[in-house]
C-alpha atoms as a PDB file:
ATOM      1  CA  MET A   1       0.106  -0.237  -0.081  1.00  0.00           C
ATOM      2  CA  LEU A   2       1.101   3.612  -0.598  1.00  0.00           C
ATOM      3  CA  ARG A   3       0.157   6.743   1.102  1.00  0.00           C
ATOM      4  CA  ARG A   4       0.929  10.541   1.474  1.00  0.00           C
ATOM      5  CA  ASN A   5       2.411  12.389  -1.724  1.00  0.00           C
ATOM      6  CA  VAL A   6       2.800   8.938  -3.945  1.00  0.00           C
ATOM      7  CA  LYS A   7       1.710  10.429  -7.128  1.00  0.00           C
ATOM      8  CA  THR A   8       0.635  14.211  -7.985  1.00  0.00           C
ATOM      9  CA  VAL A   9      -2.166  14.875  -9.470  1.00  0.00           C
ATOM     10  CA  HIS A  10      -2.276  18.847 -10.502  1.00  0.00           C
ATOM     11  CA  PRO A  11      -5.816  20.355 -10.305  1.00  0.00           C
ATOM     12  CA  ILE A  12      -6.562  21.819 -13.343  1.00  0.00           C
ATOM     13  CA  TYR A  13     -10.147  21.393 -14.041  1.00  0.00           C
ATOM     14  CA  THR A  14     -11.824  22.514 -16.588  1.00  0.00           C
ATOM     15  CA  ILE A  15     -15.265  22.518 -15.270  1.00  0.00           C
ATOM     16  CA  PHE A  16     -17.167  20.893 -11.948  1.00  0.00           C
ATOM     17  CA  VAL A  17     -20.495  20.150 -12.357  1.00  0.00           C
ATOM     18  CA  ALA A  18     -21.960  19.566  -9.542  1.00  0.00           C
ATOM     19  CA  LEU A  19     -26.365  17.753  -8.774  1.00  0.00           C
ATOM     20  CA  LEU A  20     -25.652  15.668 -11.653  1.00  0.00           C
ATOM     21  CA  PHE A  21     -27.990  12.922 -11.809  1.00  0.00           C
ATOM     22  CA  LEU A  22     -29.010   9.267 -10.631  1.00  0.00           C
ATOM     23  CA  CYS A  23     -31.422   8.020 -13.244  1.00  0.00           C
ATOM     24  CA  SER A  24     -29.548   9.517 -16.473  1.00  0.00           C
ATOM     25  CA  SER A  25     -29.242   7.342 -19.270  1.00  0.00           C
ATOM     26  CA  ARG A  26     -25.619   6.412 -20.474  1.00  0.00           C
ATOM     27  CA  THR A  27     -25.194   9.071 -23.488  1.00  0.00           C
ATOM     28  CA  ALA A  28     -27.076  12.550 -22.029  1.00  0.00           C
ATOM     29  CA  PHE A  29     -24.256  14.240 -21.097  1.00  0.00           C
ATOM     30  CA  ALA A  30     -22.554  13.240 -24.352  1.00  0.00           C
ATOM     31  CA  GLN A  31     -25.539  15.238 -25.935  1.00  0.00           C
ATOM     32  CA  ALA A  32     -25.439  18.235 -24.044  1.00  0.00           C
ATOM     33  CA  PRO A  33     -24.285  21.078 -25.546  1.00  0.00           C
ATOM     34  CA  LYS A  34     -20.617  22.955 -25.470  1.00  0.00           C
ATOM     35  CA  ILE A  35     -21.048  25.157 -22.295  1.00  0.00           C
ATOM     36  CA  ASP A  36     -20.256  28.586 -22.821  1.00  0.00           C
ATOM     37  CA  ASN A  37     -24.880  29.387 -23.833  1.00  0.00           C
ATOM     38  CA  VAL A  38     -26.756  29.441 -21.336  1.00  0.00           C
ATOM     39  CA  ASN A  39     -30.468  29.637 -23.129  1.00  0.00           C
ATOM     40  CA  GLU A  40     -28.668  26.381 -25.408  1.00  0.00           C
ATOM     41  CA  PHE A  41     -27.437  24.309 -22.277  1.00  0.00           C
ATOM     42  CA  GLU A  42     -30.921  25.828 -20.227  1.00  0.00           C
ATOM     43  CA  THR A  43     -33.269  24.283 -22.820  1.00  0.00           C
ATOM     44  CA  TRP A  44     -30.827  20.751 -22.770  1.00  0.00           C
ATOM     45  CA  LEU A  45     -31.293  20.196 -18.517  1.00  0.00           C
ATOM     46  CA  ASP A  46     -34.698  21.182 -19.308  1.00  0.00           C
ATOM     47  CA  ASN A  47     -35.221  18.143 -21.468  1.00  0.00           C
ATOM     48  CA  PHE A  48     -32.645  15.861 -19.356  1.00  0.00           C
ATOM     49  CA  VAL A  49     -35.079  16.618 -16.177  1.00  0.00           C
ATOM     50  CA  THR A  50     -38.208  15.812 -18.049  1.00  0.00           C
ATOM     51  CA  GLN A  51     -36.550  12.464 -20.026  1.00  0.00           C
ATOM     52  CA  ASN A  52     -35.316  11.399 -16.392  1.00  0.00           C
ATOM     53  CA  PHE A  53     -37.230  12.688 -14.347  1.00  0.00           C
ATOM     54  CA  PRO A  54     -41.028  12.124 -15.935  1.00  0.00           C
ATOM     55  CA  ASN A  55     -43.153  13.663 -13.351  1.00  0.00           C
ATOM     56  CA  THR A  56     -40.881  16.387 -12.679  1.00  0.00           C
ATOM     57  CA  GLN A  57     -43.532  18.193 -10.564  1.00  0.00           C
ATOM     58  CA  SER A  58     -43.142  15.890  -7.841  1.00  0.00           C
ATOM     59  CA  SER A  59     -39.462  15.789  -7.825  1.00  0.00           C
ATOM     60  CA  GLN A  60     -37.441  17.963  -5.931  1.00  0.00           C
ATOM     61  CA  LEU A  61     -34.532  18.841  -7.895  1.00  0.00           C
ATOM     62  CA  ALA A  62     -31.274  21.973  -7.661  1.00  0.00           C
ATOM     63  CA  PHE A  63     -28.717  21.679 -10.072  1.00  0.00           C
ATOM     64  CA  VAL A  64     -25.883  24.702  -9.711  1.00  0.00           C
ATOM     65  CA  PHE A  65     -22.980  24.220 -12.380  1.00  0.00           C
ATOM     66  CA  VAL A  66     -19.979  26.317 -11.902  1.00  0.00           C
ATOM     67  CA  LYS A  67     -17.730  27.097 -14.363  1.00  0.00           C
ATOM     68  CA  GLY A  68     -14.021  28.491 -14.309  1.00  0.00           C
ATOM     69  CA  ASN A  69     -14.690  31.099 -11.455  1.00  0.00           C
ATOM     70  CA  GLN A  70     -17.730  31.720 -11.314  1.00  0.00           C
ATOM     71  CA  ILE A  71     -21.242  29.692 -11.322  1.00  0.00           C
ATOM     72  CA  PHE A  72     -22.480  29.393 -14.973  1.00  0.00           C
ATOM     73  CA  PHE A  73     -26.115  28.164 -14.218  1.00  0.00           C
ATOM     74  CA  GLN A  74     -28.703  26.758 -11.619  1.00  0.00           C
ATOM     75  CA  LYS A  75     -31.919  25.807 -11.600  1.00  0.00           C
ATOM     76  CA  GLY A  76     -34.180  24.156  -9.414  1.00  0.00           C
ATOM     77  CA  TYR A  77     -37.574  21.504 -10.872  1.00  0.00           C
ATOM     78  CA  GLY A  78     -40.426  20.684  -8.656  1.00  0.00           C
ATOM     79  CA  PHE A  79     -41.863  22.302  -5.209  1.00  0.00           C
ATOM     80  CA  GLU A  80     -40.447  22.604  -1.811  1.00  0.00           C
ATOM     81  CA  ASP A  81     -43.604  22.992  -0.545  1.00  0.00           C
ATOM     82  CA  ALA A  82     -46.319  21.156  -3.224  1.00  0.00           C
ATOM     83  CA  GLU A  83     -49.288  22.419  -1.190  1.00  0.00           C
ATOM     84  CA  LYS A  84     -48.264  25.933  -0.982  1.00  0.00           C
ATOM     85  CA  LYS A  85     -46.354  25.942  -3.901  1.00  0.00           C
ATOM     86  CA  ILE A  86     -43.452  26.861  -3.532  1.00  0.00           C
ATOM     87  CA  PRO A  87     -40.909  26.178  -6.067  1.00  0.00           C
ATOM     88  CA  ILE A  88     -37.416  25.068  -5.668  1.00  0.00           C
ATOM     89  CA  SER A  89     -34.949  27.576  -5.813  1.00  0.00           C
ATOM     90  CA  PRO A  90     -31.462  26.946  -6.054  1.00  0.00           C
ATOM     91  CA  GLU A  91     -30.813  30.574  -4.026  1.00  0.00           C
ATOM     92  CA  GLN A  92     -33.063  29.468  -1.223  1.00  0.00           C
ATOM     93  CA  THR A  93     -34.303  26.107  -0.707  1.00  0.00           C
ATOM     94  CA  VAL A  94     -32.107  23.844   1.675  1.00  0.00           C
ATOM     95  CA  PHE A  95     -30.968  20.005   1.471  1.00  0.00           C
ATOM     96  CA  ARG A  96     -29.825  17.722   3.509  1.00  0.00           C
ATOM     97  CA  ALA A  97     -25.620  17.209   2.382  1.00  0.00           C
ATOM     98  CA  ALA A  98     -25.518  14.430   4.014  1.00  0.00           C
ATOM     99  CA  SER A  99     -21.691  12.580   3.356  1.00  0.00           C
ATOM    100  CA  VAL A 100     -20.584  15.498   1.440  1.00  0.00           C
ATOM    101  CA  SER A 101     -20.603  17.134   4.619  1.00  0.00           C
ATOM    102  CA  LYS A 102     -17.450  15.063   5.378  1.00  0.00           C
ATOM    103  CA  LEU A 103     -15.856  17.546   2.903  1.00  0.00           C
ATOM    104  CA  VAL A 104     -16.514  20.345   4.565  1.00  0.00           C
ATOM    105  CA  THR A 105     -15.043  18.630   8.099  1.00  0.00           C
ATOM    106  CA  ALA A 106     -11.751  18.304   6.221  1.00  0.00           C
ATOM    107  CA  THR A 107     -11.690  21.538   4.881  1.00  0.00           C
ATOM    108  CA  ALA A 108     -11.850  23.006   8.767  1.00  0.00           C
ATOM    109  CA  VAL A 109      -9.166  20.387   9.489  1.00  0.00           C
ATOM    110  CA  MET A 110      -7.220  21.580   6.689  1.00  0.00           C
ATOM    111  CA  LYS A 111      -7.316  25.110   7.513  1.00  0.00           C
ATOM    112  CA  LEU A 112      -5.873  24.559  10.894  1.00  0.00           C
ATOM    113  CA  VAL A 113      -3.088  22.489   9.526  1.00  0.00           C
ATOM    114  CA  GLU A 114      -2.423  25.771   7.620  1.00  0.00           C
ATOM    115  CA  GLN A 115      -2.358  27.708  10.169  1.00  0.00           C
ATOM    116  CA  GLY A 116       0.152  24.747  12.290  1.00  0.00           C
ATOM    117  CA  LYS A 117      -2.310  24.130  14.595  1.00  0.00           C
ATOM    118  CA  ILE A 118      -2.974  20.510  13.655  1.00  0.00           C
ATOM    119  CA  ASN A 119       0.171  18.559  12.473  1.00  0.00           C
ATOM    120  CA  LEU A 120      -1.150  15.741   9.845  1.00  0.00           C
ATOM    121  CA  ASP A 121       0.988  13.146  10.942  1.00  0.00           C
ATOM    122  CA  ALA A 122       0.669  13.723  14.625  1.00  0.00           C
ATOM    123  CA  ASP A 123      -0.594  11.145  16.425  1.00  0.00           C
ATOM    124  CA  ILE A 124      -4.501  11.968  17.020  1.00  0.00           C
ATOM    125  CA  ASN A 125      -4.175  11.323  20.635  1.00  0.00           C
ATOM    126  CA  ALA A 126      -1.583  14.515  20.781  1.00  0.00           C
ATOM    127  CA  TYR A 127      -4.651  16.452  20.713  1.00  0.00           C
ATOM    128  CA  LEU A 128      -7.483  14.316  22.697  1.00  0.00           C
ATOM    129  CA  LYS A 129      -6.886  14.905  25.780  1.00  0.00           C
ATOM    130  CA  ASP A 130     -10.241  14.289  27.035  1.00  0.00           C
ATOM    131  CA  PHE A 131     -10.726  10.803  26.041  1.00  0.00           C
ATOM    132  CA  PRO A 132      -7.720   8.994  24.024  1.00  0.00           C
ATOM    133  CA  ILE A 133      -7.873   6.521  22.330  1.00  0.00           C
ATOM    134  CA  ASN A 134      -6.779   2.964  23.224  1.00  0.00           C
ATOM    135  CA  GLN A 135      -5.357   2.231  19.577  1.00  0.00           C
ATOM    136  CA  ASN A 136      -4.270  -1.344  19.983  1.00  0.00           C
ATOM    137  CA  PHE A 137      -1.569  -1.317  17.124  1.00  0.00           C
ATOM    138  CA  GLN A 138       2.608  -0.076  17.818  1.00  0.00           C
ATOM    139  CA  LYS A 139       1.109   2.407  14.808  1.00  0.00           C
ATOM    140  CA  PRO A 140      -0.553   5.249  15.915  1.00  0.00           C
ATOM    141  CA  ILE A 141      -3.355   6.681  14.177  1.00  0.00           C
ATOM    142  CA  THR A 142      -2.538  10.192  12.755  1.00  0.00           C
ATOM    143  CA  VAL A 143      -4.668  12.642  11.707  1.00  0.00           C
ATOM    144  CA  ALA A 144      -4.027  12.072   8.108  1.00  0.00           C
ATOM    145  CA  ASP A 145      -5.586   8.353   8.396  1.00  0.00           C
ATOM    146  CA  LEU A 146      -8.844   9.948   9.579  1.00  0.00           C
ATOM    147  CA  LEU A 147      -9.525  12.160   6.719  1.00  0.00           C
ATOM    148  CA  THR A 148      -8.049   9.300   4.468  1.00  0.00           C
ATOM    149  CA  HIS A 149     -10.466   6.894   5.626  1.00  0.00           C
ATOM    150  CA  THR A 150      -7.895   4.572   6.774  1.00  0.00           C
ATOM    151  CA  SER A 151      -7.511   5.124  10.775  1.00  0.00           C
ATOM    152  CA  GLY A 152      -8.739   1.588  11.440  1.00  0.00           C
ATOM    153  CA  LEU A 153     -11.289   2.685  13.993  1.00  0.00           C
ATOM    154  CA  GLU A 154     -14.828   0.382  14.449  1.00  0.00           C
ATOM    155  CA  GLU A 155     -17.142   1.859  12.460  1.00  0.00           C
ATOM    156  CA  ARG A 156     -20.682   1.854  14.099  1.00  0.00           C
ATOM    157  CA  MET A 157     -23.754   0.867  12.148  1.00  0.00           C
ATOM    158  CA  PHE A 158     -26.538   1.593  15.565  1.00  0.00           C
ATOM    159  CA  GLY A 159     -27.059   4.122  18.101  1.00  0.00           C
ATOM    160  CA  ASN A 160     -25.925   6.864  16.218  1.00  0.00           C
ATOM    161  CA  VAL A 161     -28.791   8.847  16.248  1.00  0.00           C
ATOM    162  CA  ALA A 162     -30.582  11.092  18.935  1.00  0.00           C
ATOM    163  CA  GLN A 163     -34.086  11.344  18.985  1.00  0.00           C
ATOM    164  CA  GLY A 164     -36.014  15.059  18.810  1.00  0.00           C
ATOM    165  CA  GLY A 165     -33.188  16.716  16.300  1.00  0.00           C
ATOM    166  CA  VAL A 166     -30.845  17.436  19.940  1.00  0.00           C
ATOM    167  CA  SER A 167     -27.313  16.094  19.642  1.00  0.00           C
ATOM    168  CA  PRO A 168     -25.315  15.758  22.729  1.00  0.00           C
ATOM    169  CA  SER A 169     -21.516  17.942  22.407  1.00  0.00           C
ATOM    170  CA  LEU A 170     -18.578  16.093  20.347  1.00  0.00           C
ATOM    171  CA  LYS A 171     -17.267  15.909  23.504  1.00  0.00           C
ATOM    172  CA  GLU A 172     -20.124  13.913  25.726  1.00  0.00           C
ATOM    173  CA  VAL A 173     -20.716  11.923  22.462  1.00  0.00           C
ATOM    174  CA  PHE A 174     -17.244   9.857  22.343  1.00  0.00           C
ATOM    175  CA  SER A 175     -16.061  10.212  25.796  1.00  0.00           C
ATOM    176  CA  ARG A 176     -19.831   8.113  26.142  1.00  0.00           C
ATOM    177  CA  LYS A 177     -18.053   5.352  24.209  1.00  0.00           C
ATOM    178  CA  VAL A 178     -14.379   6.118  23.322  1.00  0.00           C
ATOM    179  CA  PRO A 179     -13.902   4.888  19.911  1.00  0.00           C
ATOM    180  CA  ARG A 180     -12.046   1.961  19.502  1.00  0.00           C
ATOM    181  CA  GLY A 181      -8.747   0.850  17.053  1.00  0.00           C
ATOM    182  CA  VAL A 182      -9.682  -2.488  15.617  1.00  0.00           C
ATOM    183  CA  ARG A 183      -6.871  -2.578  12.783  1.00  0.00           C
ATOM    184  CA  PRO A 184      -3.533  -1.056  12.160  1.00  0.00           C
ATOM    185  CA  ALA A 185      -3.992   2.378  10.127  1.00  0.00           C
ATOM    186  CA  GLY A 186      -2.749   3.467   7.561  1.00  0.00           C
ATOM    187  CA  GLU A 187      -3.290  -0.213   5.804  1.00  0.00           C
ATOM    188  CA  GLU A 188      -6.486  -0.061   4.337  1.00  0.00           C
ATOM    189  CA  ILE A 189      -9.383   1.655   4.001  1.00  0.00           C
ATOM    190  CA  VAL A 190     -12.468   1.428   5.171  1.00  0.00           C
ATOM    191  CA  TYR A 191     -15.249   3.966   4.785  1.00  0.00           C
ATOM    192  CA  SER A 192     -16.166   5.525   8.352  1.00  0.00           C
ATOM    193  CA  ASN A 193     -18.497   8.298   9.686  1.00  0.00           C
ATOM    194  CA  LEU A 194     -16.683   7.819  12.971  1.00  0.00           C
ATOM    195  CA  GLY A 195     -13.517   8.712  11.812  1.00  0.00           C
ATOM    196  CA  MET A 196     -14.779  11.740  10.034  1.00  0.00           C
ATOM    197  CA  ALA A 197     -16.538  13.011  12.908  1.00  0.00           C
ATOM    198  CA  LEU A 198     -13.346  12.187  15.414  1.00  0.00           C
ATOM    199  CA  ALA A 199     -11.795  15.103  12.542  1.00  0.00           C
ATOM    200  CA  GLY A 200     -14.569  17.173  13.437  1.00  0.00           C
ATOM    201  CA  TYR A 201     -14.080  16.866  17.013  1.00  0.00           C
ATOM    202  CA  LEU A 202      -9.956  17.645  16.551  1.00  0.00           C
ATOM    203  CA  VAL A 203     -11.258  21.014  14.763  1.00  0.00           C
ATOM    204  CA  GLU A 204     -13.581  21.592  18.620  1.00  0.00           C
ATOM    205  CA  ALA A 205     -10.500  21.092  20.618  1.00  0.00           C
ATOM    206  CA  VAL A 206      -7.626  22.661  19.049  1.00  0.00           C
ATOM    207  CA  SER A 207      -9.828  26.115  17.951  1.00  0.00           C
ATOM    208  CA  GLY A 208     -11.224  26.339  20.609  1.00  0.00           C
ATOM    209  CA  GLN A 209     -14.407  26.738  19.207  1.00  0.00           C
ATOM    210  CA  LYS A 210     -17.601  24.312  18.938  1.00  0.00           C
ATOM    211  CA  PHE A 211     -17.500  22.801  15.055  1.00  0.00           C
ATOM    212  CA  GLU A 212     -20.288  23.769  14.008  1.00  0.00           C
ATOM    213  CA  ASP A 213     -19.298  27.709  15.211  1.00  0.00           C
ATOM    214  CA  PHE A 214     -15.809  27.651  13.570  1.00  0.00           C
ATOM    215  CA  VAL A 215     -17.253  26.246  10.366  1.00  0.00           C
ATOM    216  CA  GLU A 216     -19.596  29.388  10.121  1.00  0.00           C
ATOM    217  CA  GLN A 217     -17.030  31.610  10.778  1.00  0.00           C
ATOM    218  CA  LYS A 218     -14.224  30.623   8.768  1.00  0.00           C
ATOM    219  CA  ILE A 219     -15.824  28.742   6.331  1.00  0.00           C
ATOM    220  CA  PHE A 220     -19.670  29.695   5.262  1.00  0.00           C
ATOM    221  CA  GLN A 221     -19.586  33.379   6.698  1.00  0.00           C
ATOM    222  CA  PRO A 222     -16.517  34.460   4.514  1.00  0.00           C
ATOM    223  CA  LEU A 223     -17.848  32.758   1.380  1.00  0.00           C
ATOM    224  CA  GLU A 224     -21.395  34.312   2.063  1.00  0.00           C
ATOM    225  CA  MET A 225     -23.162  30.954   2.046  1.00  0.00           C
ATOM    226  CA  ASN A 226     -25.744  31.894   4.251  1.00  0.00           C
ATOM    227  CA  ARG A 227     -27.760  28.677   3.679  1.00  0.00           C
ATOM    228  CA  SER A 228     -25.776  26.804   5.125  1.00  0.00           C
ATOM    229  CA  SER A 229     -25.216  25.010   8.402  1.00  0.00           C
ATOM    230  CA  PHE A 230     -24.304  22.171  10.863  1.00  0.00           C
ATOM    231  CA  ARG A 231     -26.337  22.862  13.708  1.00  0.00           C
ATOM    232  CA  GLN A 232     -29.060  20.494  15.204  1.00  0.00           C
ATOM    233  CA  PRO A 233     -32.007  21.103  15.682  1.00  0.00           C
ATOM    234  CA  TYR A 234     -32.137  23.266  12.334  1.00  0.00           C
ATOM    235  CA  SER A 235     -32.019  27.162  12.871  1.00  0.00           C
ATOM    236  CA  PRO A 236     -34.798  28.788  12.149  1.00  0.00           C
ATOM    237  CA  ASP A 237     -34.188  31.182   9.524  1.00  0.00           C
ATOM    238  CA  LEU A 238     -33.761  27.888   7.451  1.00  0.00           C
ATOM    239  CA  ALA A 239     -35.957  25.006   9.216  1.00  0.00           C
ATOM    240  CA  GLY A 240     -38.744  26.324   7.315  1.00  0.00           C
ATOM    241  CA  SER A 241     -37.110  25.561   3.467  1.00  0.00           C
ATOM    242  CA  VAL A 242     -35.608  22.556   4.104  1.00  0.00           C
ATOM    243  CA  VAL A 243     -37.000  19.533   1.778  1.00  0.00           C
ATOM    244  CA  PRO A 244     -38.585  16.675   4.133  1.00  0.00           C
ATOM    245  CA  SER A 245     -35.652  13.978   3.858  1.00  0.00           C
ATOM    246  CA  GLY A 246     -37.209  11.358   6.818  1.00  0.00           C
ATOM    247  CA  ALA A 247     -34.319  12.099   9.405  1.00  0.00           C
ATOM    248  CA  ASP A 248     -35.869  15.302  10.209  1.00  0.00           C
ATOM    249  CA  ASP A 249     -36.876  14.336  14.027  1.00  0.00           C
ATOM    250  CA  VAL A 250     -33.248  12.937  14.810  1.00  0.00           C
ATOM    251  CA  ALA A 251     -29.813  14.265  14.915  1.00  0.00           C
ATOM    252  CA  LEU A 252     -26.649  12.690  13.963  1.00  0.00           C
ATOM    253  CA  LEU A 253     -24.186  11.855  17.087  1.00  0.00           C
ATOM    254  CA  HIS A 254     -21.273  11.951  14.409  1.00  0.00           C
ATOM    255  CA  TYR A 255     -22.889  15.149  12.855  1.00  0.00           C
ATOM    256  CA  PRO A 256     -19.344  16.510  11.477  1.00  0.00           C
ATOM    257  CA  ALA A 257     -19.546  13.167   8.892  1.00  0.00           C
ATOM    258  CA  GLY A 258     -23.295  13.916   7.694  1.00  0.00           C
ATOM    259  CA  SER A 259     -25.479  16.591   9.053  1.00  0.00           C
ATOM    260  CA  MET A 260     -24.777  19.645   7.172  1.00  0.00           C
ATOM    261  CA  ILE A 261     -27.910  21.656   5.308  1.00  0.00           C
ATOM    262  CA  ASN A 262     -27.577  23.761   2.132  1.00  0.00           C
ATOM    263  CA  SER A 263     -28.333  25.155  -0.977  1.00  0.00           C
ATOM    264  CA  ALA A 264     -27.514  24.433  -4.430  1.00  0.00           C
ATOM    265  CA  ALA A 265     -26.470  27.906  -4.643  1.00  0.00           C
ATOM    266  CA  ASP A 266     -24.140  27.367  -1.071  1.00  0.00           C
ATOM    267  CA  MET A 267     -22.398  24.291  -2.350  1.00  0.00           C
ATOM    268  CA  GLY A 268     -21.557  26.326  -6.125  1.00  0.00           C
ATOM    269  CA  LYS A 269     -19.760  28.592  -4.407  1.00  0.00           C
ATOM    270  CA  PHE A 270     -17.810  25.623  -2.106  1.00  0.00           C
ATOM    271  CA  LEU A 271     -16.843  23.690  -4.718  1.00  0.00           C
ATOM    272  CA  LEU A 272     -15.346  27.053  -6.269  1.00  0.00           C
ATOM    273  CA  LEU A 273     -13.455  27.123  -3.474  1.00  0.00           C
ATOM    274  CA  HIS A 274     -11.829  23.597  -4.559  1.00  0.00           C
ATOM    275  CA  LEU A 275     -10.926  24.812  -8.350  1.00  0.00           C
ATOM    276  CA  ASN A 276      -9.783  27.826  -7.771  1.00  0.00           C
ATOM    277  CA  GLY A 277      -6.911  27.537  -5.708  1.00  0.00           C
ATOM    278  CA  GLY A 278      -8.359  28.144  -2.145  1.00  0.00           C
ATOM    279  CA  LYS A 279     -10.394  31.387  -3.065  1.00  0.00           C
ATOM    280  CA  VAL A 280     -14.055  32.600  -4.612  1.00  0.00           C
ATOM    281  CA  GLY A 281     -13.535  35.787  -5.638  1.00  0.00           C
ATOM    282  CA  ASP A 282     -10.849  37.990  -3.675  1.00  0.00           C
ATOM    283  CA  MET A 283     -11.887  35.971  -0.558  1.00  0.00           C
ATOM    284  CA  ARG A 284      -9.495  33.251   0.389  1.00  0.00           C
ATOM    285  CA  ILE A 285      -9.804  30.443   2.463  1.00  0.00           C
ATOM    286  CA  LEU A 286      -7.030  28.376   1.892  1.00  0.00           C
ATOM    287  CA  SER A 287      -3.949  28.875   0.498  1.00  0.00           C
ATOM    288  CA  GLU A 288      -2.750  27.743  -3.090  1.00  0.00           C
ATOM    289  CA  GLU A 289      -0.347  25.115  -1.503  1.00  0.00           C
ATOM    290  CA  THR A 290      -2.926  23.640   1.022  1.00  0.00           C
ATOM    291  CA  THR A 291      -6.142  23.039  -1.435  1.00  0.00           C
ATOM    292  CA  ARG A 292      -3.420  20.987  -3.515  1.00  0.00           C
ATOM    293  CA  GLU A 293      -2.800  19.436  -0.536  1.00  0.00           C
ATOM    294  CA  MET A 294      -5.795  18.524  -0.020  1.00  0.00           C
ATOM    295  CA  GLN A 295      -6.739  16.996  -3.439  1.00  0.00           C
ATOM    296  CA  HIS A 296      -3.408  15.094  -4.075  1.00  0.00           C
ATOM    297  CA  ARG A 297      -3.922  11.247  -3.673  1.00  0.00           C
ATOM    298  CA  HIS A 298      -2.616  10.200  -0.359  1.00  0.00           C
ATOM    299  CA  PHE A 299      -3.202   6.548  -0.060  1.00  0.00           C
ATOM    300  CA  THR A 300      -4.174   3.357  -2.437  1.00  0.00           C
ATOM    301  CA  GLN A 301      -3.904  -0.281  -1.792  1.00  0.00           C
ATOM    302  CA  ASN A 302      -1.960  -0.271  -5.159  1.00  0.00           C
ATOM    303  CA  PRO A 303      -0.939   2.425  -7.706  1.00  0.00           C
ATOM    304  CA  GLN A 304      -2.922   0.642 -10.346  1.00  0.00           C
ATOM    305  CA  MET A 305      -6.066   1.263  -8.302  1.00  0.00           C
ATOM    306  CA  PRO A 306      -7.934   4.690  -7.260  1.00  0.00           C
ATOM    307  CA  GLY A 307      -6.833   6.130  -4.093  1.00  0.00           C
ATOM    308  CA  VAL A 308      -7.978   9.032  -1.647  1.00  0.00           C
ATOM    309  CA  ALA A 309      -7.107  12.378  -0.854  1.00  0.00           C
ATOM    310  CA  TYR A 310      -8.192  14.296   1.535  1.00  0.00           C
ATOM    311  CA  GLY A 311     -12.032  14.666   1.679  1.00  0.00           C
ATOM    312  CA  PHE A 312     -11.696  13.319  -1.811  1.00  0.00           C
ATOM    313  CA  PHE A 313     -11.930   9.576  -3.667  1.00  0.00           C
ATOM    314  CA  GLU A 314     -10.125   8.885  -6.815  1.00  0.00           C
ATOM    315  CA  ILE A 315     -12.028   7.511  -9.742  1.00  0.00           C
ATOM    316  CA  PHE A 316      -9.349   7.087 -12.744  1.00  0.00           C
ATOM    317  CA  SER A 317     -11.655   8.298 -15.805  1.00  0.00           C
ATOM    318  CA  GLY A 318     -10.815   6.830 -19.686  1.00  0.00           C
ATOM    319  CA  ASP A 319      -8.046   4.306 -20.454  1.00  0.00           C
ATOM    320  CA  ARG A 320      -6.062   4.744 -17.053  1.00  0.00           C
ATOM    321  CA  LYS A 321      -2.980   3.272 -19.054  1.00  0.00           C
ATOM    322  CA  LYS A 322      -2.706   6.679 -21.723  1.00  0.00           C
ATOM    323  CA  SER A 323      -4.087   9.101 -19.233  1.00  0.00           C
ATOM    324  CA  THR A 324      -3.806  10.142 -16.066  1.00  0.00           C
ATOM    325  CA  SER A 325      -7.499  11.797 -15.639  1.00  0.00           C
ATOM    326  CA  ILE A 326      -9.324  11.257 -12.496  1.00  0.00           C
ATOM    327  CA  ARG A 327     -12.377  11.671 -10.916  1.00  0.00           C
ATOM    328  CA  LYS A 328     -12.829  12.865  -7.414  1.00  0.00           C
ATOM    329  CA  GLN A 329     -16.106  11.561  -6.232  1.00  0.00           C
ATOM    330  CA  LEU A 330     -17.681  13.295  -3.368  1.00  0.00           C
ATOM    331  CA  ARG A 331     -20.601  10.531  -2.140  1.00  0.00           C
ATOM    332  CA  ALA A 332     -23.916  11.263  -2.990  1.00  0.00           C
ATOM    333  CA  ASN A 333     -26.758  13.245  -1.093  1.00  0.00           C
ATOM    334  CA  ARG A 334     -29.961  13.441  -1.445  1.00  0.00           C
ATOM    335  CA  ARG A 335     -30.019  16.100  -4.171  1.00  0.00           C
ATOM    336  CA  HIS A 336     -28.343  13.824  -6.341  1.00  0.00           C
ATOM    337  CA  LEU A 337     -24.770  14.619  -5.961  1.00  0.00           C
ATOM    338  CA  SER A 338     -23.914  11.732  -7.436  1.00  0.00           C
ATOM    339  CA  PRO A 339     -21.643  12.051  -8.453  1.00  0.00           C
ATOM    340  CA  ALA A 340     -20.668  15.604  -7.578  1.00  0.00           C
ATOM    341  CA  SER A 341     -17.280  15.232  -9.932  1.00  0.00           C
ATOM    342  CA  ALA A 342     -14.156  17.592 -10.664  1.00  0.00           C
ATOM    343  CA  PHE A 343     -12.837  16.643 -13.812  1.00  0.00           C
ATOM    344  CA  ALA A 344      -9.266  16.873 -13.682  1.00  0.00           C
ATOM    345  CA  SER A 345      -6.098  16.551 -15.845  1.00  0.00           C
ATOM    346  CA  ASP A 346      -1.970  16.703 -15.181  1.00  0.00           C
ATOM    347  CA  ASP A 347      -1.424  17.080 -18.868  1.00  0.00           C
END
């Protein structure tokens, strides 16, 4: 197995398309118009939605497409509230982002890394003064292991929610049941909600702020992502615009791994951050160097296989023997963010 900087992938993006499809035909995007005429693109997208979501009126879809350093196009389909005939708005309607939350959490960690407050290669117990983890193996779990899903921590599938929509603090959650290492760190990718939630707690432990406060102050507010939040329960100004998910009456205990809500337009701003070297317009959140570090592959089981970066997953695109193009995939959420992909090349 290989880790950290085994391959440099230059993040040269042609276009970042978010909120794509779950049920599209094989040729749908091959038939898409050239991405430079908004009217032509809207016509194509309308046809795409009609063909793939026949009952559009009962669907709840939001699309945002970004190109270069700006949002190219965004549009909603269906109703936020069918009874009141409130249409889906890319700017106002709020969706649960599910595991896309993890990329925001990884970005928060990297914010502290570039400030010199977190060392990616440090034993996580250096930051866990309240509940040090019995790691059971010779190699310690590092912060980098948390961000690449290679920590070796157990993964709990049950008992991870609180009724009533209110979660205890991360400190209370982890102190009540301290995570256990069940396999050596740095040797195997095992997708880990618990590991990314623990990374969120590191943000609290190091910054002295609640995780959700840190993210709002250091990421959401500077980017004017005013329709985004990790708070449980939902804040009053957002609660009325959240598309029902079936899980709105419970709170995630490991919430840095999956509790974020946001609008499509806000997601577009966050995508621009990672497409443009850590800044949107004049607002810089991460340095170019830190952004490149996030987007480089840091672990793979085999150099012929896709690996993981910090918060991103890697998928080879095209003929991998001839091309080093990759697709970095975020996890799916209810808004058809499957995949939300950046197309990169190191040509």
